[in-house]
Amino acid sequence: MNMFRRSAFAAATIAAFTMISTAPASAAPGCGHASWYALTSKTASGERMNPAKLTAAHRSLPFGTKVKVTNKRNGKSVVVRINDRGPFIKGRIIDVSKAAAQNIGMVRSGTAQVCYQIIS
C-alpha cells in the first residue's frame, strides 16, 4: 500500500470513528410515555437532582443535551437538559423534573404521552 493510500485510509477511518463516537445515541425525535420525578439524590451525571430545575432523564442521550418535550394532549412544550439516566419503567421514554412537568401540565396525572426533539 503506497503512502497516499495508507494516509487516505487512516483519515477515512478516523473520520468514520469520529462521526460514530460523537453522534447522539438517539438523534431522531421520539414519542411515547413520560413521567416526572422529584428526588433530591445525585443524578447519573454527578449533580444533585433539583426538582425546581428544567432537567430530565433519558436512557442514552448524552448529558447536557437540550431536548424540547411536548405534551401531546395539550400541546404545551418545555426545553429540558438531560442530566440523568432513566426511566427504568418499561414503556417510558423520558422522565422530566417536577418543574418541567408543571410547565407541560402533567403533574396531576403523573404521566403523559409526549414527543421530544433534540435542540442541541
Protein backbone atom coordinates (compact mmCIF):
# COMPACT_ATOMS: atom_id res chain seq x y z
CA MET A 1 0.00 0.00 0.00
CA ASN A 2 1.56 3.26 -1.03
CA MET A 3 1.83 6.22 1.37
CA PHE A 4 -1.07 8.17 -0.19
CA ARG A 5 -3.48 5.24 0.01
CA ARG A 6 -2.41 4.44 3.58
CA SER A 7 -2.93 8.03 4.80
CA ALA A 8 -6.26 8.32 2.94
CA PHE A 9 -7.41 5.07 4.56
CA ALA A 10 -6.31 6.28 8.01
CA ALA A 11 -8.06 9.63 7.52
CA ALA A 12 -11.27 7.91 6.40
CA THR A 13 -11.13 5.52 9.36
CA ILE A 14 -10.61 8.36 11.84
CA ALA A 15 -13.42 10.40 10.26
CA ALA A 16 -15.82 7.45 10.43
CA PHE A 17 -14.93 6.72 14.05
CA THR A 18 -15.34 10.40 14.99
CA MET A 19 -18.79 10.56 13.38
CA ILE A 20 -19.88 7.42 15.23
CA SER A 21 -18.49 8.39 18.61
CA THR A 22 -19.74 11.99 18.66
CA ALA A 23 -23.23 11.44 17.26
CA PRO A 24 -26.04 11.47 19.85
CA ALA A 25 -27.14 7.96 20.73
CA SER A 26 -30.71 8.70 19.72
CA ALA A 27 -30.62 11.71 17.41
CA ALA A 28 -34.08 11.07 15.99
CA PRO A 29 -37.07 12.62 17.73
CA GLY A 30 -39.25 10.26 19.71
CA CYS A 31 -42.76 9.94 21.05
CA GLY A 32 -44.03 7.85 23.91
CA HIS A 33 -44.93 7.77 27.56
CA ALA A 34 -43.23 10.15 30.02
CA SER A 35 -43.30 10.51 33.78
CA TRP A 36 -41.90 13.02 36.26
CA TYR A 37 -39.81 12.72 39.39
CA ALA A 38 -38.73 14.98 42.24
CA LEU A 39 -35.95 13.24 44.13
CA THR A 40 -33.03 15.14 45.65
CA SER A 41 -30.42 12.42 45.26
CA LYS A 42 -27.39 12.59 42.96
CA THR A 43 -28.07 12.08 39.28
CA ALA A 44 -26.07 9.82 36.98
CA SER A 45 -24.18 12.91 35.77
CA GLY A 46 -23.00 13.55 39.33
CA GLU A 47 -25.04 16.67 40.04
CA ARG A 48 -27.72 16.84 42.70
CA MET A 49 -31.27 16.44 41.38
CA ASN A 50 -33.22 19.68 41.81
CA PRO A 51 -36.98 19.30 41.17
CA ALA A 52 -37.21 23.06 40.53
CA LYS A 53 -34.88 22.93 37.51
CA LEU A 54 -35.83 22.00 33.96
CA THR A 55 -33.98 18.69 33.68
CA ALA A 56 -34.73 15.16 32.54
CA ALA A 57 -33.53 11.58 32.49
CA HIS A 58 -33.04 9.66 29.23
CA ARG A 59 -31.53 6.23 28.70
CA SER A 60 -28.94 7.15 26.09
CA LEU A 61 -28.76 10.84 25.16
CA PRO A 62 -25.51 12.50 26.26
CA PHE A 63 -25.59 14.55 29.45
CA GLY A 64 -26.12 18.22 28.67
CA THR A 65 -28.28 17.57 25.60
CA LYS A 66 -31.17 20.02 25.40
CA VAL A 67 -34.47 18.45 24.45
CA LYS A 68 -37.85 20.03 23.69
CA VAL A 69 -40.60 17.91 25.26
CA THR A 70 -44.20 18.46 24.11
CA ASN A 71 -47.30 17.10 25.85
CA LYS A 72 -49.41 15.61 23.04
CA ARG A 73 -52.68 16.17 24.93
CA ASN A 74 -52.40 19.94 25.35
CA GLY A 75 -49.55 20.98 23.01
CA LYS A 76 -47.52 22.60 25.83
CA SER A 77 -43.73 22.36 25.48
CA VAL A 78 -40.68 22.79 27.67
CA VAL A 79 -36.93 22.61 27.00
CA VAL A 80 -35.06 20.38 29.44
CA ARG A 81 -31.41 19.43 29.87
CA ILE A 82 -30.53 15.73 30.16
CA ASN A 83 -28.65 15.14 33.41
CA ASP A 84 -29.72 11.67 34.49
CA ARG A 85 -30.32 8.13 33.23
CA GLY A 86 -33.72 6.50 33.08
CA PRO A 87 -36.58 5.97 33.01
CA PHE A 88 -36.35 2.45 34.32
CA ILE A 89 -40.04 1.59 33.89
CA LYS A 90 -40.85 -0.36 30.74
CA GLY A 91 -42.66 1.66 28.10
CA ARG A 92 -41.46 5.10 29.23
CA ILE A 93 -39.11 7.15 27.09
CA ILE A 94 -38.20 10.10 29.35
CA ASP A 95 -38.53 11.25 32.96
CA VAL A 96 -38.80 15.01 33.48
CA SER A 97 -38.32 17.04 36.65
CA LYS A 98 -41.35 18.28 38.58
CA ALA A 99 -40.78 21.84 37.28
CA ALA A 100 -40.78 20.58 33.68
CA ALA A 101 -43.90 18.51 34.36
CA GLN A 102 -45.65 21.62 35.71
CA ASN A 103 -44.71 23.53 32.55
CA ILE A 104 -46.39 20.98 30.31
CA GLY A 105 -49.34 20.19 32.56
CA MET A 106 -48.63 16.63 33.64
CA VAL A 107 -48.08 16.87 37.41
CA ARG A 108 -51.59 15.81 38.39
CA SER A 109 -51.72 12.86 36.01
CA GLY A 110 -48.14 11.77 36.79
CA THR A 111 -47.56 10.59 33.24
CA ALA A 112 -48.34 11.84 29.74
CA GLN A 113 -47.91 10.99 26.10
CA VAL A 114 -45.14 13.26 24.82
CA CYS A 115 -42.92 13.81 21.83
CA TYR A 116 -39.36 15.09 22.15
CA GLN A 117 -36.82 16.53 19.78
CA ILE A 118 -33.19 17.38 20.32
CA ILE A 119 -32.46 21.11 20.35
CA SER A 120 -28.69 20.93 20.94
